[in-house]
Each structure stands twice: as C-alpha cells, then as structure tokens.
Amino acid sequence: MAYITDLLRFFMRRGRLSEQQYRETHTQANVSINLLKSDWFEEVLAALSSKTGISEPEVRELWRNDCYFTSALQYVHLGNPENIINANDTHDEPETSSPTARSMARQ
C-alpha cells in the first residue's frame, strides 16, 4: 500500500490527480489489495487513466519512467538498514550498522 501512496502522490505532484481523486483511488487500491486480487495494480493504473484523462499506455509509461522505483520499493529491496549485519571472513562477532543491530546480533 505504501507503493500505491508513492505512485498516487507522484501524479498529485504533477497536478494530474486531485486530493479527492487521490483518496478515491487509494481506497479502491487498498480494497483490491486486501481482497488479494491478483490484478490490483492493473486496476490502479486503469483508475489513474480514467481519473487523469491520460491513456493507460501513457500512465504506464509515466510510472515506468518516472516513479517505478519509489522509496517504498527501495525499502522492500534494502530492508531495514539499521538491522543489516556484516560478518567478516573469520566468522567472529559480526560488524553491525548501529547499536540496535549490535544488540540484535548478540541475541
């Protein structure tokens, strides 16, 4: 759902989506996601096309070119940086990125 928030905010920043359209589309997306619909993302792109007056191929192109790798997707790929543990080759106590991660590594 965070990814949808990023996507919809992108269209809002571009002046293509009003606050009301944002809320409607976000609610529709949340319902589709929670119903475990396999085509929830296609529904979002279709809704964006309908609400913005931009063709679906153009919406898809804007998404791919300008907002595909959002902060939400980056977080999914990288995870919690504060929990990343780096172990050295000798398998001694791991080096960590923060005090929190160090305490977690000892557990």
C-alpha atoms as a PDB file:
ATOM      1  CA  MET A   1       0.000   0.000   0.000  1.00  0.00           C
ATOM      2  CA  ALA A   2       2.936   2.303   0.585  1.00  0.00           C
ATOM      3  CA  TYR A   3       3.920   1.804  -3.046  1.00  0.00           C
ATOM      4  CA  ILE A   4       0.461   2.970  -4.152  1.00  0.00           C
ATOM      5  CA  THR A   5       0.780   6.011  -1.906  1.00  0.00           C
ATOM      6  CA  ASP A   6       4.078   6.895  -3.615  1.00  0.00           C
ATOM      7  CA  LEU A   7       2.577   6.352  -7.069  1.00  0.00           C
ATOM      8  CA  LEU A   8      -0.530   8.430  -6.406  1.00  0.00           C
ATOM      9  CA  ARG A   9       1.449  11.233  -4.794  1.00  0.00           C
ATOM     10  CA  PHE A  10       3.629  11.338  -7.905  1.00  0.00           C
ATOM     11  CA  PHE A  11       0.535  12.028 -10.009  1.00  0.00           C
ATOM     12  CA  MET A  12      -0.667  14.618  -7.484  1.00  0.00           C
ATOM     13  CA  ARG A  13       2.680  16.454  -7.565  1.00  0.00           C
ATOM     14  CA  ARG A  14       2.385  16.589 -11.341  1.00  0.00           C
ATOM     15  CA  GLY A  15      -1.050  18.211 -10.994  1.00  0.00           C
ATOM     16  CA  ARG A  16      -2.755  15.239 -12.628  1.00  0.00           C
ATOM     17  CA  LEU A  17      -4.731  13.999  -9.624  1.00  0.00           C
ATOM     18  CA  SER A  18      -6.840  15.984  -7.157  1.00  0.00           C
ATOM     19  CA  GLU A  19      -6.962  15.253  -3.430  1.00  0.00           C
ATOM     20  CA  GLN A  20     -10.424  13.717  -3.862  1.00  0.00           C
ATOM     21  CA  GLN A  21      -9.265  11.525  -6.764  1.00  0.00           C
ATOM     22  CA  TYR A  22      -6.243  10.513  -4.700  1.00  0.00           C
ATOM     23  CA  ARG A  23      -8.448   9.371  -1.800  1.00  0.00           C
ATOM     24  CA  GLU A  24     -10.858   7.507  -4.077  1.00  0.00           C
ATOM     25  CA  THR A  25      -8.078   5.729  -5.954  1.00  0.00           C
ATOM     26  CA  HIS A  26      -6.155   4.926  -2.780  1.00  0.00           C
ATOM     27  CA  THR A  27      -9.271   3.455  -1.142  1.00  0.00           C
ATOM     28  CA  GLN A  28     -10.014   1.398  -4.248  1.00  0.00           C
ATOM     29  CA  ALA A  29      -6.427   0.133  -4.311  1.00  0.00           C
ATOM     30  CA  ASN A  30      -6.488  -0.782  -0.613  1.00  0.00           C
ATOM     31  CA  VAL A  31      -9.707  -2.753  -1.058  1.00  0.00           C
ATOM     32  CA  SER A  32      -8.282  -4.617  -4.064  1.00  0.00           C
ATOM     33  CA  ILE A  33      -5.059  -5.408  -2.199  1.00  0.00           C
ATOM     34  CA  ASN A  34      -6.904  -6.578   0.918  1.00  0.00           C
ATOM     35  CA  LEU A  35      -9.163  -8.776  -1.204  1.00  0.00           C
ATOM     36  CA  LEU A  36      -5.959 -10.361  -2.570  1.00  0.00           C
ATOM     37  CA  LYS A  37      -6.896  -9.542  -6.141  1.00  0.00           C
ATOM     38  CA  SER A  38      -4.111 -10.581  -8.458  1.00  0.00           C
ATOM     39  CA  ASP A  39      -4.785  -7.660 -10.809  1.00  0.00           C
ATOM     40  CA  TRP A  40      -4.884  -4.919  -8.164  1.00  0.00           C
ATOM     41  CA  PHE A  41      -2.080  -2.964  -9.795  1.00  0.00           C
ATOM     42  CA  GLU A  42      -3.705  -3.086 -13.220  1.00  0.00           C
ATOM     43  CA  GLU A  43      -6.863  -1.736 -11.584  1.00  0.00           C
ATOM     44  CA  VAL A  44      -4.874   1.159 -10.129  1.00  0.00           C
ATOM     45  CA  LEU A  45      -3.343   2.023 -13.490  1.00  0.00           C
ATOM     46  CA  ALA A  46      -6.797   1.865 -15.125  1.00  0.00           C
ATOM     47  CA  ALA A  47      -8.238   4.115 -12.384  1.00  0.00           C
ATOM     48  CA  LEU A  48      -5.391   6.579 -12.871  1.00  0.00           C
ATOM     49  CA  SER A  49      -6.086   6.634 -16.583  1.00  0.00           C
ATOM     50  CA  SER A  50      -9.775   7.228 -16.005  1.00  0.00           C
ATOM     51  CA  LYS A  51      -9.300   9.952 -13.383  1.00  0.00           C
ATOM     52  CA  THR A  52      -6.481  11.815 -15.135  1.00  0.00           C
ATOM     53  CA  GLY A  53      -7.667  11.515 -18.730  1.00  0.00           C
ATOM     54  CA  ILE A  54      -4.276  10.063 -19.674  1.00  0.00           C
ATOM     55  CA  SER A  55      -4.331   6.903 -21.765  1.00  0.00           C
ATOM     56  CA  GLU A  56      -3.387   3.672 -19.995  1.00  0.00           C
ATOM     57  CA  PRO A  57      -0.233   3.261 -22.101  1.00  0.00           C
ATOM     58  CA  GLU A  58       0.818   6.807 -21.120  1.00  0.00           C
ATOM     59  CA  VAL A  59       0.054   6.165 -17.442  1.00  0.00           C
ATOM     60  CA  ARG A  60       2.151   3.000 -17.625  1.00  0.00           C
ATOM     61  CA  GLU A  61       4.963   4.894 -19.350  1.00  0.00           C
ATOM     62  CA  LEU A  62       4.931   7.660 -16.713  1.00  0.00           C
ATOM     63  CA  TRP A  63       5.001   5.010 -13.996  1.00  0.00           C
ATOM     64  CA  ARG A  64       7.898   3.096 -15.560  1.00  0.00           C
ATOM     65  CA  ASN A  65       9.966   6.135 -16.482  1.00  0.00           C
ATOM     66  CA  ASP A  66       9.382   8.455 -13.541  1.00  0.00           C
ATOM     67  CA  CYS A  67       8.151   6.634 -10.458  1.00  0.00           C
ATOM     68  CA  TYR A  68       8.808   2.897 -10.795  1.00  0.00           C
ATOM     69  CA  PHE A  69      11.482   2.643  -8.105  1.00  0.00           C
ATOM     70  CA  THR A  70       9.896   4.653  -5.290  1.00  0.00           C
ATOM     71  CA  SER A  71      11.133   4.900  -1.715  1.00  0.00           C
ATOM     72  CA  ALA A  72       8.660   2.165  -0.749  1.00  0.00           C
ATOM     73  CA  LEU A  73      10.109  -0.217  -3.323  1.00  0.00           C
ATOM     74  CA  GLN A  74      13.636   0.741  -2.330  1.00  0.00           C
ATOM     75  CA  TYR A  75      12.777  -0.134   1.276  1.00  0.00           C
ATOM     76  CA  VAL A  76      11.478  -3.548   0.179  1.00  0.00           C
ATOM     77  CA  HIS A  77      14.716  -4.228  -1.691  1.00  0.00           C
ATOM     78  CA  LEU A  78      17.063  -2.955   1.012  1.00  0.00           C
ATOM     79  CA  GLY A  79      15.111  -3.740   4.173  1.00  0.00           C
ATOM     80  CA  ASN A  80      15.828  -2.073   7.495  1.00  0.00           C
ATOM     81  CA  PRO A  81      19.318  -0.616   7.134  1.00  0.00           C
ATOM     82  CA  GLU A  82      19.637  -0.463  10.917  1.00  0.00           C
ATOM     83  CA  ASN A  83      19.301  -4.258  11.001  1.00  0.00           C
ATOM     84  CA  ILE A  84      21.930  -5.062   8.376  1.00  0.00           C
ATOM     85  CA  ILE A  85      24.713  -7.189   9.816  1.00  0.00           C
ATOM     86  CA  ASN A  86      28.077  -7.549   8.092  1.00  0.00           C
ATOM     87  CA  ALA A  87      30.101 -10.593   9.086  1.00  0.00           C
ATOM     88  CA  ASN A  88      33.806 -10.763   8.373  1.00  0.00           C
ATOM     89  CA  ASP A  89      35.533 -13.786   6.844  1.00  0.00           C
ATOM     90  CA  THR A  90      36.765 -15.169  10.163  1.00  0.00           C
ATOM     91  CA  HIS A  91      33.188 -15.535  11.441  1.00  0.00           C
ATOM     92  CA  ASP A  92      33.928 -13.573  14.599  1.00  0.00           C
ATOM     93  CA  GLU A  93      31.287 -11.325  16.082  1.00  0.00           C
ATOM     94  CA  PRO A  94      29.594  -9.536  13.186  1.00  0.00           C
ATOM     95  CA  GLU A  95      30.129  -5.888  12.430  1.00  0.00           C
ATOM     96  CA  THR A  96      26.855  -4.023  12.520  1.00  0.00           C
ATOM     97  CA  SER A  97      25.491  -0.774  11.271  1.00  0.00           C
ATOM     98  CA  SER A  98      24.069   0.501  14.582  1.00  0.00           C
ATOM     99  CA  PRO A  99      23.960  -0.172  18.329  1.00  0.00           C
ATOM    100  CA  THR A 100      20.475  -1.621  17.879  1.00  0.00           C
ATOM    101  CA  ALA A 101      21.724  -4.058  15.275  1.00  0.00           C
ATOM    102  CA  ARG A 102      24.692  -4.980  17.505  1.00  0.00           C
ATOM    103  CA  SER A 103      22.379  -5.861  20.374  1.00  0.00           C
ATOM    104  CA  MET A 104      20.171  -7.863  17.998  1.00  0.00           C
ATOM    105  CA  ALA A 105      23.198  -9.756  16.663  1.00  0.00           C
ATOM    106  CA  ARG A 106      24.091 -10.960  20.176  1.00  0.00           C
ATOM    107  CA  GLN A 107      20.643 -12.437  20.775  1.00  0.00           C
END
